C-alpha atoms as a PDB file:
ATOM      1  CA  UNK A   1      -5.169  10.833  54.148  1.00  0.00           C
ATOM      2  CA  UNK A   2      -4.149   8.635  51.233  1.00  0.00           C
ATOM      3  CA  UNK A   3      -2.912   9.641  47.779  1.00  0.00           C
ATOM      4  CA  UNK A   4      -3.225   7.164  44.902  1.00  0.00           C
ATOM      5  CA  UNK A   5      -2.214   7.646  41.280  1.00  0.00           C
ATOM      6  CA  UNK A   6      -2.283   5.391  38.232  1.00  0.00           C
ATOM      7  CA  UNK A   7      -2.563   5.872  34.499  1.00  0.00           C
ATOM      8  CA  UNK A   8      -3.746   4.338  31.250  1.00  0.00           C
ATOM      9  CA  UNK A   9      -3.096   5.029  27.561  1.00  0.00           C
ATOM     10  CA  UNK A  10      -5.304   5.760  24.581  1.00  0.00           C
ATOM     11  CA  UNK A  11      -4.516   5.450  20.906  1.00  0.00           C
ATOM     12  CA  UNK A  12      -5.874   8.635  19.328  1.00  0.00           C
ATOM     13  CA  UNK A  13      -6.425   9.867  15.790  1.00  0.00           C
ATOM     14  CA  UNK A  14      -6.644  13.549  16.704  1.00  0.00           C
ATOM     15  CA  UNK A  15      -8.967  16.034  14.984  1.00  0.00           C
ATOM     16  CA  UNK A  16     -11.175  16.542  18.088  1.00  0.00           C
ATOM     17  CA  UNK A  17     -11.632  12.804  18.586  1.00  0.00           C
ATOM     18  CA  UNK A  18     -13.675  12.254  21.753  1.00  0.00           C
ATOM     19  CA  UNK A  19     -13.183   9.204  24.009  1.00  0.00           C
ATOM     20  CA  UNK A  20     -15.448   8.206  26.904  1.00  0.00           C
ATOM     21  CA  UNK A  21     -12.935   7.366  29.664  1.00  0.00           C
ATOM     22  CA  UNK A  22     -15.474   7.003  32.489  1.00  0.00           C
ATOM     23  CA  UNK A  23     -15.069   3.232  32.890  1.00  0.00           C
ATOM     24  CA  UNK A  24     -11.281   3.520  33.261  1.00  0.00           C
ATOM     25  CA  UNK A  25     -11.635   6.362  35.762  1.00  0.00           C
ATOM     26  CA  UNK A  26     -14.182   4.364  37.786  1.00  0.00           C
ATOM     27  CA  UNK A  27     -11.837   1.359  37.727  1.00  0.00           C
ATOM     28  CA  UNK A  28      -8.849   3.350  38.978  1.00  0.00           C
ATOM     29  CA  UNK A  29     -10.835   5.140  41.679  1.00  0.00           C
ATOM     30  CA  UNK A  30     -12.054   1.742  42.952  1.00  0.00           C
ATOM     31  CA  UNK A  31      -8.485   0.396  42.846  1.00  0.00           C
ATOM     32  CA  UNK A  32      -7.384   3.294  45.057  1.00  0.00           C
ATOM     33  CA  UNK A  33      -9.452   1.999  47.962  1.00  0.00           C
ATOM     34  CA  UNK A  34     -10.356   5.598  48.802  1.00  0.00           C
ATOM     35  CA  UNK A  35     -14.007   5.972  49.782  1.00  0.00           C
ATOM     36  CA  UNK A  36     -14.342   9.740  50.049  1.00  0.00           C
ATOM     37  CA  UNK A  37     -12.176  12.519  48.667  1.00  0.00           C
ATOM     38  CA  UNK A  38     -11.227  14.283  45.463  1.00  0.00           C
ATOM     39  CA  UNK A  39     -10.224  12.812  42.118  1.00  0.00           C
ATOM     40  CA  UNK A  40      -8.352  14.378  39.226  1.00  0.00           C
ATOM     41  CA  UNK A  41      -8.073  13.197  35.636  1.00  0.00           C
ATOM     42  CA  UNK A  42      -5.138  14.768  33.810  1.00  0.00           C
ATOM     43  CA  UNK A  43      -3.183  14.344  30.618  1.00  0.00           C
ATOM     44  CA  UNK A  44       0.170  15.914  29.831  1.00  0.00           C
ATOM     45  CA  UNK A  45       0.087  17.852  26.622  1.00  0.00           C
ATOM     46  CA  UNK A  46      -1.041  21.180  25.241  1.00  0.00           C
ATOM     47  CA  UNK A  47      -3.406  19.805  22.590  1.00  0.00           C
ATOM     48  CA  UNK A  48      -5.816  17.765  24.751  1.00  0.00           C
ATOM     49  CA  UNK A  49      -8.921  18.445  26.809  1.00  0.00           C
ATOM     50  CA  UNK A  50     -10.871  16.673  29.545  1.00  0.00           C
ATOM     51  CA  UNK A  51     -14.444  17.449  30.599  1.00  0.00           C
ATOM     52  CA  UNK A  52     -17.820  15.838  31.202  1.00  0.00           C
ATOM     53  CA  UNK A  53     -20.737  15.470  28.810  1.00  0.00           C
ATOM     54  CA  UNK A  54     -23.710  13.265  28.210  1.00  0.00           C
ATOM     55  CA  UNK A  55     -21.805  10.959  25.866  1.00  0.00           C
ATOM     56  CA  UNK A  56     -24.230  10.391  22.999  1.00  0.00           C
ATOM     57  CA  UNK A  57     -23.753  10.921  19.237  1.00  0.00           C
ATOM     58  CA  UNK A  58     -25.736  14.167  19.029  1.00  0.00           C
ATOM     59  CA  UNK A  59     -23.818  15.904  21.792  1.00  0.00           C
ATOM     60  CA  UNK A  60     -20.477  14.521  20.595  1.00  0.00           C
ATOM     61  CA  UNK A  61     -21.194  16.085  17.197  1.00  0.00           C
ATOM     62  CA  UNK A  62     -22.348  19.341  18.811  1.00  0.00           C
ATOM     63  CA  UNK A  63     -19.147  19.577  20.845  1.00  0.00           C
ATOM     64  CA  UNK A  64     -16.949  19.002  17.790  1.00  0.00           C
ATOM     65  CA  UNK A  65     -18.914  21.663  15.886  1.00  0.00           C
ATOM     66  CA  UNK A  66     -18.522  24.118  18.764  1.00  0.00           C
ATOM     67  CA  UNK A  67     -14.743  23.777  18.771  1.00  0.00           C
ATOM     68  CA  UNK A  68     -14.634  24.209  15.003  1.00  0.00           C
ATOM     69  CA  UNK A  69     -16.553  27.497  15.369  1.00  0.00           C
ATOM     70  CA  UNK A  70     -14.382  28.843  18.208  1.00  0.00           C
ATOM     71  CA  UNK A  71     -11.002  27.753  16.838  1.00  0.00           C
ATOM     72  CA  UNK A  72     -11.410  26.613  13.216  1.00  0.00           C
ATOM     73  CA  UNK A  73      -8.848  24.615  11.302  1.00  0.00           C
ATOM     74  CA  UNK A  74      -7.380  26.511   8.381  1.00  0.00           C
ATOM     75  CA  UNK A  75      -7.329  29.903  10.099  1.00  0.00           C
ATOM     76  CA  UNK A  76      -4.053  31.770  10.529  1.00  0.00           C
ATOM     77  CA  UNK A  77      -2.546  31.148  13.954  1.00  0.00           C
ATOM     78  CA  UNK A  78       0.613  32.731  15.335  1.00  0.00           C
ATOM     79  CA  UNK A  79       1.667  29.304  16.607  1.00  0.00           C
ATOM     80  CA  UNK A  80       1.621  27.912  13.070  1.00  0.00           C
ATOM     81  CA  UNK A  81       3.657  30.855  11.784  1.00  0.00           C
ATOM     82  CA  UNK A  82       6.284  30.245  14.453  1.00  0.00           C
ATOM     83  CA  UNK A  83       6.473  26.429  14.369  1.00  0.00           C
ATOM     84  CA  UNK A  84       4.965  25.451  11.002  1.00  0.00           C
ATOM     85  CA  UNK A  85       3.193  22.395  12.416  1.00  0.00           C
ATOM     86  CA  UNK A  86      -0.360  23.371  11.473  1.00  0.00           C
ATOM     87  CA  UNK A  87      -1.856  22.693  14.897  1.00  0.00           C
ATOM     88  CA  UNK A  88      -2.428  26.204  16.225  1.00  0.00           C
ATOM     89  CA  UNK A  89      -6.150  25.466  16.387  1.00  0.00           C
ATOM     90  CA  UNK A  90      -5.372  22.418  18.566  1.00  0.00           C
ATOM     91  CA  UNK A  91      -3.534  24.523  21.133  1.00  0.00           C
ATOM     92  CA  UNK A  92      -6.278  27.157  21.245  1.00  0.00           C
ATOM     93  CA  UNK A  93      -8.965  24.492  21.722  1.00  0.00           C
ATOM     94  CA  UNK A  94      -6.989  22.863  24.524  1.00  0.00           C
ATOM     95  CA  UNK A  95      -6.527  26.235  26.194  1.00  0.00           C
ATOM     96  CA  UNK A  96     -10.283  26.797  26.162  1.00  0.00           C
ATOM     97  CA  UNK A  97     -11.083  23.430  27.759  1.00  0.00           C
ATOM     98  CA  UNK A  98      -8.000  22.474  29.763  1.00  0.00           C
ATOM     99  CA  UNK A  99      -6.169  19.153  30.214  1.00  0.00           C
ATOM    100  CA  UNK A 100      -7.595  18.304  33.666  1.00  0.00           C
ATOM    101  CA  UNK A 101     -10.917  17.540  35.310  1.00  0.00           C
ATOM    102  CA  UNK A 102     -11.541  17.335  39.066  1.00  0.00           C
ATOM    103  CA  UNK A 103     -14.451  15.443  40.630  1.00  0.00           C
ATOM    104  CA  UNK A 104     -15.689  14.417  44.075  1.00  0.00           C
ATOM    105  CA  UNK A 105     -15.208  10.839  45.222  1.00  0.00           C
ATOM    106  CA  UNK A 106     -18.028   9.433  47.367  1.00  0.00           C
ATOM    107  CA  UNK A 107     -18.716   5.860  48.370  1.00  0.00           C
ATOM    108  CA  UNK A 108     -15.594   4.634  46.598  1.00  0.00           C
ATOM    109  CA  UNK A 109     -16.398   6.047  43.167  1.00  0.00           C
ATOM    110  CA  UNK A 110     -16.664   9.246  41.162  1.00  0.00           C
ATOM    111  CA  UNK A 111     -19.750  11.235  42.181  1.00  0.00           C
ATOM    112  CA  UNK A 112     -21.143  11.827  38.704  1.00  0.00           C
ATOM    113  CA  UNK A 113     -24.668  12.576  37.560  1.00  0.00           C
ATOM    114  CA  UNK A 114     -26.816   9.936  35.888  1.00  0.00           C
ATOM    115  CA  UNK A 115     -26.008  11.130  32.370  1.00  0.00           C
ATOM    116  CA  UNK A 116     -22.529  12.474  33.072  1.00  0.00           C
ATOM    117  CA  UNK A 117     -19.479  10.814  31.541  1.00  0.00           C
ATOM    118  CA  UNK A 118     -15.841  11.896  31.662  1.00  0.00           C
ATOM    119  CA  UNK A 119     -14.409  12.424  28.193  1.00  0.00           C
ATOM    120  CA  UNK A 120     -10.930  12.923  26.791  1.00  0.00           C
ATOM    121  CA  UNK A 121     -10.575  14.978  23.605  1.00  0.00           C
ATOM    122  CA  UNK A 122      -7.493  14.875  21.376  1.00  0.00           C
ATOM    123  CA  UNK A 123      -7.383  18.138  19.435  1.00  0.00           C
ATOM    124  CA  UNK A 124      -4.065  17.567  17.657  1.00  0.00           C
ATOM    125  CA  UNK A 125      -3.702  17.106  13.899  1.00  0.00           C
ATOM    126  CA  UNK A 126      -1.939  13.727  14.012  1.00  0.00           C
ATOM    127  CA  UNK A 127      -2.226  10.262  15.498  1.00  0.00           C
ATOM    128  CA  UNK A 128      -0.518   9.546  18.793  1.00  0.00           C
ATOM    129  CA  UNK A 129      -0.687   7.652  22.060  1.00  0.00           C
ATOM    130  CA  UNK A 130      -1.937   9.670  25.008  1.00  0.00           C
ATOM    131  CA  UNK A 131      -1.409   9.015  28.692  1.00  0.00           C
ATOM    132  CA  UNK A 132      -4.208   9.814  31.124  1.00  0.00           C
ATOM    133  CA  UNK A 133      -3.469   9.905  34.846  1.00  0.00           C
ATOM    134  CA  UNK A 134      -6.049   9.516  37.593  1.00  0.00           C
ATOM    135  CA  UNK A 135      -5.080  10.782  41.043  1.00  0.00           C
ATOM    136  CA  UNK A 136      -7.296  10.292  44.094  1.00  0.00           C
ATOM    137  CA  UNK A 137      -6.790  11.971  47.468  1.00  0.00           C
ATOM    138  CA  UNK A 138      -8.876  11.118  50.518  1.00  0.00           C
ATOM    139  CA  UNK A 139      -9.759   8.500  53.114  1.00  0.00           C
END
């Protein structure tokens, strides 16, 4: 069994900005040389999320609206009261989605559906650079 890991960076604006990272994930899985196994996309941080969607403007808008309904900006959050950084909603949103996404690897690539893309969401309230790591385990 082989384990391969590599990473890439994104420049993010925050505010539930959604990035399609599928091409980078496909590239790193191919670079691993692993034909069959399990892949994981992960990002360190407590204000990010990773999932899959059909990456098109309507669904991107729907997803942003959903997070605003579940954890709206401007509400009172205990995190904000403690730290005063105004990003309590970002932490709650990240907790709902999670900063990792696992997927099967088959035939040397991610086994995704026809309309399925892997997306990275930056929930924070400020610009920053984010690191995304892709780890592949298999043969």
